[in-house]
């Protein structure tokens, strides 16, 4: 079963959220619906701007932790490298 690490944003170079999930499509829908009291609800973070696919859950968890420790500039460069306009890439989630 695949696992994902993902980054959501509220606008280009705005507030971001980094997470991991087994079912990325469902997780993004949960964020879009608004999780009461969450960081994503508070800052209206709903746009999927980046994701990675992993075969092993622990690889995904380690990458999530690694990205959360990165400097903000590195995170923005990572997103911009694969998604320069920071557009919603939900349509690229594999089925």
Protein backbone atom coordinates (compact mmCIF):
# COMPACT_ATOMS: atom_id res chain seq x y z
CA UNK A 1 0.00 0.00 0.00
CA UNK A 2 1.34 3.45 -0.87
CA UNK A 3 1.77 6.35 1.52
CA UNK A 4 2.08 10.03 0.80
CA UNK A 5 3.82 13.09 2.19
CA UNK A 6 2.06 16.26 1.14
CA UNK A 7 2.16 20.02 1.43
CA UNK A 8 -0.92 22.22 1.41
CA UNK A 9 -0.88 26.00 1.07
CA UNK A 10 -3.39 28.83 1.33
CA UNK A 11 -1.74 30.86 -1.47
CA UNK A 12 1.62 30.98 -3.25
CA UNK A 13 4.36 31.49 -0.65
CA UNK A 14 1.69 31.74 2.07
CA UNK A 15 0.91 29.56 5.06
CA UNK A 16 1.68 25.87 4.55
CA UNK A 17 0.92 22.55 6.20
CA UNK A 18 2.99 19.36 5.88
CA UNK A 19 1.44 15.98 6.55
CA UNK A 20 1.41 12.32 5.61
CA UNK A 21 -1.47 10.02 4.73
CA UNK A 22 -2.32 6.63 3.36
CA UNK A 23 -5.27 7.96 1.32
CA UNK A 24 -4.19 11.37 0.06
CA UNK A 25 -7.41 12.18 -1.77
CA UNK A 26 -9.51 11.62 1.37
CA UNK A 27 -7.07 13.54 3.55
CA UNK A 28 -7.12 16.57 1.26
CA UNK A 29 -10.94 16.46 1.29
CA UNK A 30 -10.87 16.44 5.09
CA UNK A 31 -8.66 19.53 5.11
CA UNK A 32 -10.92 21.24 2.56
CA UNK A 33 -13.96 20.54 4.75
CA UNK A 34 -12.18 22.22 7.64
CA UNK A 35 -10.98 20.36 10.70
CA UNK A 36 -12.28 22.47 13.64
CA UNK A 37 -9.49 24.16 15.58
CA UNK A 38 -6.78 23.00 13.19
CA UNK A 39 -3.92 24.99 11.70
CA UNK A 40 -5.37 24.36 8.22
CA UNK A 41 -8.77 25.76 9.22
CA UNK A 42 -7.30 28.79 11.01
CA UNK A 43 -5.23 29.82 7.98
CA UNK A 44 -7.59 28.49 5.27
CA UNK A 45 -4.96 26.06 3.97
CA UNK A 46 -6.67 23.89 1.35
CA UNK A 47 -4.56 23.79 -1.83
CA UNK A 48 -2.46 20.68 -2.47
CA UNK A 49 0.80 22.05 -3.91
CA UNK A 50 3.20 19.12 -3.46
CA UNK A 51 3.24 15.41 -2.70
CA UNK A 52 5.59 12.44 -2.71
CA UNK A 53 4.70 8.73 -2.92
CA UNK A 54 6.31 6.06 -0.72
CA UNK A 55 5.93 2.28 -0.59
CA UNK A 56 6.64 2.09 3.13
CA UNK A 57 4.83 4.03 5.84
CA UNK A 58 8.01 4.63 7.83
CA UNK A 59 9.71 6.19 4.82
CA UNK A 60 6.79 8.61 4.52
CA UNK A 61 6.85 9.42 8.24
CA UNK A 62 10.61 10.07 8.15
CA UNK A 63 10.26 12.35 5.13
CA UNK A 64 7.40 14.26 6.77
CA UNK A 65 9.53 14.85 9.87
CA UNK A 66 12.50 15.85 7.73
CA UNK A 67 10.48 18.40 5.75
CA UNK A 68 9.00 19.89 8.92
CA UNK A 69 12.55 20.60 10.16
CA UNK A 70 13.62 22.30 6.91
CA UNK A 71 14.02 26.04 6.64
CA UNK A 72 11.05 27.82 5.09
CA UNK A 73 13.09 28.82 2.03
CA UNK A 74 13.97 25.17 1.29
CA UNK A 75 10.30 24.18 1.48
CA UNK A 76 9.33 26.95 -0.92
CA UNK A 77 12.12 25.95 -3.33
CA UNK A 78 10.98 22.31 -3.21
CA UNK A 79 7.40 23.28 -4.06
CA UNK A 80 8.42 25.78 -6.75
CA UNK A 81 10.72 23.26 -8.43
CA UNK A 82 7.82 20.90 -9.23
CA UNK A 83 4.91 23.37 -9.11
CA UNK A 84 6.15 26.89 -9.96
CA UNK A 85 2.68 28.47 -9.87
CA UNK A 86 1.68 26.70 -6.63
CA UNK A 87 -1.51 25.54 -8.34
CA UNK A 88 -3.76 22.82 -6.94
CA UNK A 89 -2.41 19.42 -8.08
CA UNK A 90 -5.18 17.18 -6.72
CA UNK A 91 -5.75 16.00 -10.29
CA UNK A 92 -2.28 14.40 -10.21
CA UNK A 93 -3.02 12.09 -7.27
CA UNK A 94 -2.76 8.51 -8.57
CA UNK A 95 -5.85 6.34 -8.21
